[in-house]
Amino acid sequence: MDLIKSVMLGAVLSVTLALVIGAQGTSAGPLAIHMVNIAQTKFFWSWPIFFSGTGLSFGVMLLQR
């Protein structure tokens, strides 16, 4: 259950940071922010931020046990 919660938190972190950085027109180098089109909706996404945020939130949830 902790992994499912942390995936959601990682997605929220990724969309939020990618929106702020990607709206300025940069890919932020190693963060690899790019525009994604899904169902006629455009948003910014970054896989490195997603995996880092998921791992970080999963670790914090494990520490809270």
C-alpha atoms as a PDB file:
ATOM      1  CA  MET A   1       0.000   0.000   0.000  1.00  0.00           C
ATOM      2  CA  ASP A   2       2.889   2.341   0.741  1.00  0.00           C
ATOM      3  CA  LEU A   3       4.207   1.898  -2.794  1.00  0.00           C
ATOM      4  CA  ILE A   4       0.851   2.881  -4.315  1.00  0.00           C
ATOM      5  CA  LYS A   5       0.718   5.999  -2.156  1.00  0.00           C
ATOM      6  CA  SER A   6       4.278   6.935  -3.036  1.00  0.00           C
ATOM      7  CA  VAL A   7       3.632   6.513  -6.783  1.00  0.00           C
ATOM      8  CA  MET A   8       0.822   9.060  -6.509  1.00  0.00           C
ATOM      9  CA  LEU A   9       3.042  11.470  -4.571  1.00  0.00           C
ATOM     10  CA  GLY A  10       5.838  11.000  -7.119  1.00  0.00           C
ATOM     11  CA  ALA A  11       3.415  11.836  -9.944  1.00  0.00           C
ATOM     12  CA  VAL A  12       2.190  14.967  -8.187  1.00  0.00           C
ATOM     13  CA  LEU A  13       5.772  16.098  -7.564  1.00  0.00           C
ATOM     14  CA  SER A  14       6.758  15.408 -11.171  1.00  0.00           C
ATOM     15  CA  VAL A  15       3.826  17.303 -12.687  1.00  0.00           C
ATOM     16  CA  THR A  16       4.256  20.242 -10.321  1.00  0.00           C
ATOM     17  CA  LEU A  17       7.990  20.723 -10.841  1.00  0.00           C
ATOM     18  CA  ALA A  18       7.816  20.020 -14.569  1.00  0.00           C
ATOM     19  CA  LEU A  19       5.034  22.572 -14.955  1.00  0.00           C
ATOM     20  CA  VAL A  20       7.041  25.277 -13.211  1.00  0.00           C
ATOM     21  CA  ILE A  21      10.297  24.523 -15.039  1.00  0.00           C
ATOM     22  CA  GLY A  22       8.809  23.511 -18.411  1.00  0.00           C
ATOM     23  CA  ALA A  23       6.586  26.585 -18.663  1.00  0.00           C
ATOM     24  CA  GLN A  24       9.744  28.663 -18.890  1.00  0.00           C
ATOM     25  CA  GLY A  25      10.762  26.819 -22.044  1.00  0.00           C
ATOM     26  CA  THR A  26      13.673  24.770 -20.729  1.00  0.00           C
ATOM     27  CA  SER A  27      14.239  21.023 -20.410  1.00  0.00           C
ATOM     28  CA  ALA A  28      16.374  21.553 -17.276  1.00  0.00           C
ATOM     29  CA  GLY A  29      19.198  19.346 -18.550  1.00  0.00           C
ATOM     30  CA  PRO A  30      19.307  16.023 -16.658  1.00  0.00           C
ATOM     31  CA  LEU A  31      15.681  16.374 -15.528  1.00  0.00           C
ATOM     32  CA  ALA A  32      14.563  15.721 -19.132  1.00  0.00           C
ATOM     33  CA  ILE A  33      11.299  17.645 -18.947  1.00  0.00           C
ATOM     34  CA  HIS A  34       9.181  17.234 -22.066  1.00  0.00           C
ATOM     35  CA  MET A  35       5.661  18.000 -23.292  1.00  0.00           C
ATOM     36  CA  VAL A  36       3.191  15.087 -23.218  1.00  0.00           C
ATOM     37  CA  ASN A  37      -0.108  14.955 -25.138  1.00  0.00           C
ATOM     38  CA  ILE A  38      -2.735  12.599 -23.681  1.00  0.00           C
ATOM     39  CA  ALA A  39      -6.388  12.789 -24.749  1.00  0.00           C
ATOM     40  CA  GLN A  40      -5.994  16.307 -26.185  1.00  0.00           C
ATOM     41  CA  THR A  41      -4.473  17.501 -22.914  1.00  0.00           C
ATOM     42  CA  LYS A  42      -0.945  18.875 -22.841  1.00  0.00           C
ATOM     43  CA  PHE A  43       1.218  18.799 -19.732  1.00  0.00           C
ATOM     44  CA  PHE A  44       4.896  18.613 -18.828  1.00  0.00           C
ATOM     45  CA  TRP A  45       6.433  15.389 -17.491  1.00  0.00           C
ATOM     46  CA  SER A  46       9.798  14.168 -16.246  1.00  0.00           C
ATOM     47  CA  TRP A  47      10.623  10.524 -15.584  1.00  0.00           C
ATOM     48  CA  PRO A  48      13.734  11.241 -13.454  1.00  0.00           C
ATOM     49  CA  ILE A  49      11.695  13.480 -11.129  1.00  0.00           C
ATOM     50  CA  PHE A  50       8.934  10.855 -10.971  1.00  0.00           C
ATOM     51  CA  PHE A  51      11.269   8.023  -9.962  1.00  0.00           C
ATOM     52  CA  SER A  52      13.170  10.210  -7.478  1.00  0.00           C
ATOM     53  CA  GLY A  53       9.964  11.495  -5.893  1.00  0.00           C
ATOM     54  CA  THR A  54       8.505   7.992  -5.690  1.00  0.00           C
ATOM     55  CA  GLY A  55      11.640   6.625  -4.049  1.00  0.00           C
ATOM     56  CA  LEU A  56      11.862   9.518  -1.621  1.00  0.00           C
ATOM     57  CA  SER A  57       8.226   9.285  -0.531  1.00  0.00           C
ATOM     58  CA  PHE A  58       8.444   5.465  -0.260  1.00  0.00           C
ATOM     59  CA  GLY A  59      11.485   5.811   2.003  1.00  0.00           C
ATOM     60  CA  VAL A  60       9.742   8.363   4.202  1.00  0.00           C
ATOM     61  CA  MET A  61       6.670   6.121   4.490  1.00  0.00           C
ATOM     62  CA  LEU A  62       8.851   3.171   5.482  1.00  0.00           C
ATOM     63  CA  LEU A  63      10.543   5.274   8.145  1.00  0.00           C
ATOM     64  CA  GLN A  64       7.160   6.192   9.636  1.00  0.00           C
ATOM     65  CA  ARG A  65       6.301   2.578  10.459  1.00  0.00           C
END
